[in-house]
Amino acid sequence: MSYKDIITIQSGKRSGKPCIRGMRITVYDVLSYLASGMTYEEILNYFPYLTKEDILACLSYAADRER
């Protein structure tokens, strides 16, 4: 699955920031949690509506943006 199937951008949601599956949690939020040292499991426990694929999509999106 491509991150393009998971990451959405809507002008009226979170000021147009890239979000996960149209929800209000942004790619930035997930990357910040990872950067602070949270594990995948901790993020998934804290946000039960997220999946491991969502987290991987955030990483893939960030890597693509840096290309």
N, C-alpha and C. Protein backbone atom coordinates (compact mmCIF):
# COMPACT_ATOMS: atom_id res chain seq x y z
N MET A 1 0.85 -1.18 0.00
CA MET A 1 0.00 0.00 0.00
C MET A 1 0.89 1.25 0.00
N SER A 2 0.55 2.19 -0.80
CA SER A 2 1.27 3.45 -0.89
C SER A 2 0.79 4.42 0.18
N TYR A 3 1.70 5.27 0.65
CA TYR A 3 1.27 6.27 1.63
C TYR A 3 0.19 7.17 1.06
N LYS A 4 0.13 7.27 -0.25
CA LYS A 4 -0.88 8.11 -0.90
C LYS A 4 -2.29 7.60 -0.65
N ASP A 5 -2.42 6.34 -0.25
CA ASP A 5 -3.71 5.77 0.09
C ASP A 5 -4.09 6.07 1.54
N ILE A 6 -3.14 6.57 2.33
CA ILE A 6 -3.36 6.79 3.76
C ILE A 6 -3.27 8.27 4.14
N ILE A 7 -2.31 8.97 3.59
CA ILE A 7 -2.10 10.38 3.95
C ILE A 7 -3.04 11.25 3.11
N THR A 8 -3.80 12.09 3.79
CA THR A 8 -4.75 12.97 3.11
C THR A 8 -4.45 14.42 3.46
N ILE A 9 -4.76 15.31 2.53
CA ILE A 9 -4.61 16.75 2.76
C ILE A 9 -5.92 17.41 2.37
N GLN A 10 -6.54 18.07 3.35
CA GLN A 10 -7.80 18.77 3.13
C GLN A 10 -7.63 20.19 3.67
N SER A 11 -7.95 21.18 2.86
CA SER A 11 -7.70 22.57 3.26
C SER A 11 -8.41 22.96 4.55
N GLY A 12 -9.57 22.39 4.83
CA GLY A 12 -10.32 22.76 6.02
C GLY A 12 -9.99 21.95 7.26
N LYS A 13 -9.05 21.03 7.16
CA LYS A 13 -8.72 20.17 8.30
C LYS A 13 -7.27 20.40 8.71
N ARG A 14 -7.08 20.77 9.96
CA ARG A 14 -5.74 21.01 10.52
C ARG A 14 -4.92 21.94 9.63
N SER A 15 -5.58 22.96 9.12
CA SER A 15 -4.94 24.00 8.29
C SER A 15 -4.25 23.43 7.05
N GLY A 16 -4.78 22.35 6.52
CA GLY A 16 -4.24 21.77 5.30
C GLY A 16 -3.00 20.92 5.49
N LYS A 17 -2.68 20.59 6.74
CA LYS A 17 -1.52 19.73 7.00
C LYS A 17 -1.86 18.29 6.62
N PRO A 18 -0.85 17.51 6.24
CA PRO A 18 -1.11 16.11 5.90
C PRO A 18 -1.57 15.33 7.13
N CYS A 19 -2.70 14.66 6.99
CA CYS A 19 -3.31 13.90 8.08
C CYS A 19 -3.40 12.42 7.71
N ILE A 20 -3.72 11.62 8.69
CA ILE A 20 -3.86 10.19 8.47
C ILE A 20 -5.33 9.85 8.23
N ARG A 21 -5.62 9.30 7.07
CA ARG A 21 -6.95 8.82 6.68
C ARG A 21 -8.07 9.81 7.00
N GLY A 22 -7.81 11.09 6.80
CA GLY A 22 -8.84 12.11 7.00
C GLY A 22 -9.14 12.42 8.46
N MET A 23 -8.40 11.81 9.37
CA MET A 23 -8.60 12.10 10.79
C MET A 23 -7.84 13.38 11.14
N ARG A 24 -7.94 13.78 12.38
CA ARG A 24 -7.31 15.02 12.81
C ARG A 24 -5.88 14.83 13.31
N ILE A 25 -5.36 13.63 13.26
CA ILE A 25 -3.97 13.41 13.65
C ILE A 25 -3.08 13.58 12.42
N THR A 26 -2.05 14.40 12.58
CA THR A 26 -1.21 14.74 11.43
C THR A 26 0.04 13.86 11.35
N VAL A 27 0.65 13.89 10.19
CA VAL A 27 1.94 13.22 9.99
C VAL A 27 2.94 13.79 11.00
N TYR A 28 2.91 15.10 11.17
CA TYR A 28 3.82 15.76 12.12
C TYR A 28 3.63 15.20 13.53
N ASP A 29 2.38 15.01 13.94
CA ASP A 29 2.11 14.46 15.28
C ASP A 29 2.81 13.12 15.45
N VAL A 30 2.61 12.23 14.50
CA VAL A 30 3.18 10.88 14.59
C VAL A 30 4.71 10.94 14.56
N LEU A 31 5.27 11.75 13.67
CA LEU A 31 6.72 11.86 13.60
C LEU A 31 7.29 12.44 14.90
N SER A 32 6.58 13.37 15.50
CA SER A 32 7.02 13.96 16.77
C SER A 32 7.03 12.92 17.88
N TYR A 33 6.00 12.09 17.91
CA TYR A 33 5.96 11.03 18.93
C TYR A 33 7.13 10.07 18.75
N LEU A 34 7.40 9.69 17.51
CA LEU A 34 8.53 8.80 17.24
C LEU A 34 9.85 9.47 17.62
N ALA A 35 10.00 10.75 17.28
CA ALA A 35 11.24 11.48 17.58
C ALA A 35 11.45 11.64 19.08
N SER A 36 10.36 11.68 19.84
CA SER A 36 10.49 11.82 21.30
C SER A 36 10.84 10.50 21.97
N GLY A 37 10.85 9.42 21.18
CA GLY A 37 11.25 8.12 21.72
C GLY A 37 10.12 7.13 21.92
N MET A 38 8.89 7.53 21.58
CA MET A 38 7.79 6.58 21.69
C MET A 38 7.99 5.45 20.68
N THR A 39 7.62 4.26 21.07
CA THR A 39 7.68 3.12 20.16
C THR A 39 6.38 3.03 19.37
N TYR A 40 6.41 2.22 18.31
CA TYR A 40 5.19 1.97 17.55
C TYR A 40 4.08 1.50 18.48
N GLU A 41 4.45 0.57 19.35
CA GLU A 41 3.45 -0.03 20.25
C GLU A 41 2.83 1.02 21.18
N GLU A 42 3.65 1.92 21.69
CA GLU A 42 3.14 2.97 22.57
C GLU A 42 2.17 3.89 21.82
N ILE A 43 2.53 4.25 20.61
CA ILE A 43 1.66 5.11 19.80
C ILE A 43 0.35 4.39 19.52
N LEU A 44 0.43 3.13 19.15
CA LEU A 44 -0.78 2.36 18.83
C LEU A 44 -1.65 2.15 20.06
N ASN A 45 -1.06 2.02 21.23
CA ASN A 45 -1.84 1.90 22.46
C ASN A 45 -2.53 3.22 22.82
N TYR A 46 -1.82 4.32 22.61
CA TYR A 46 -2.35 5.64 22.93
C TYR A 46 -3.42 6.08 21.93
N PHE A 47 -3.24 5.68 20.68
CA PHE A 47 -4.19 6.01 19.61
C PHE A 47 -4.67 4.71 18.97
N PRO A 48 -5.64 4.04 19.56
CA PRO A 48 -6.06 2.72 19.08
C PRO A 48 -6.67 2.71 17.68
N TYR A 49 -7.02 3.87 17.17
CA TYR A 49 -7.59 3.95 15.82
C TYR A 49 -6.51 4.01 14.75
N LEU A 50 -5.24 4.09 15.16
CA LEU A 50 -4.14 4.06 14.20
C LEU A 50 -3.67 2.63 14.00
N THR A 51 -3.02 2.41 12.87
CA THR A 51 -2.44 1.10 12.58
C THR A 51 -0.94 1.26 12.34
N LYS A 52 -0.24 0.14 12.36
CA LYS A 52 1.19 0.17 12.05
C LYS A 52 1.40 0.72 10.64
N GLU A 53 0.50 0.39 9.73
CA GLU A 53 0.60 0.88 8.35
C GLU A 53 0.49 2.41 8.31
N ASP A 54 -0.32 2.98 9.20
CA ASP A 54 -0.43 4.44 9.27
C ASP A 54 0.91 5.06 9.66
N ILE A 55 1.57 4.46 10.64
CA ILE A 55 2.87 4.97 11.09
C ILE A 55 3.90 4.84 9.97
N LEU A 56 3.90 3.70 9.31
CA LEU A 56 4.84 3.51 8.19
C LEU A 56 4.55 4.47 7.05
N ALA A 57 3.28 4.79 6.83
CA ALA A 57 2.91 5.76 5.79
C ALA A 57 3.46 7.14 6.14
N CYS A 58 3.43 7.50 7.41
CA CYS A 58 3.99 8.79 7.84
C CYS A 58 5.49 8.84 7.56
N LEU A 59 6.18 7.77 7.88
CA LEU A 59 7.61 7.71 7.61
C LEU A 59 7.91 7.76 6.12
N SER A 60 7.13 7.05 5.34
CA SER A 60 7.31 7.04 3.89
C SER A 60 7.03 8.42 3.30
N TYR A 61 5.98 9.07 3.79
CA TYR A 61 5.64 10.42 3.33
C TYR A 61 6.79 11.38 3.62
N ALA A 62 7.34 11.32 4.85
CA ALA A 62 8.44 12.20 5.22
C ALA A 62 9.67 11.93 4.37
N ALA A 63 9.96 10.67 4.13
CA ALA A 63 11.13 10.33 3.31
C ALA A 63 10.95 10.84 1.88
N ASP A 64 9.74 10.71 1.35
CA ASP A 64 9.47 11.19 0.00
C ASP A 64 9.60 12.71 -0.09
N ARG A 65 9.16 13.41 0.95
CA ARG A 65 9.24 14.88 0.97
C ARG A 65 10.70 15.34 1.01
N GLU A 66 11.56 14.54 1.60
CA GLU A 66 12.97 14.92 1.72
C GLU A 66 13.78 14.56 0.48
N ARG A 67 13.18 13.84 -0.43
CA ARG A 67 13.90 13.42 -1.62
C ARG A 67 14.25 14.57 -2.49
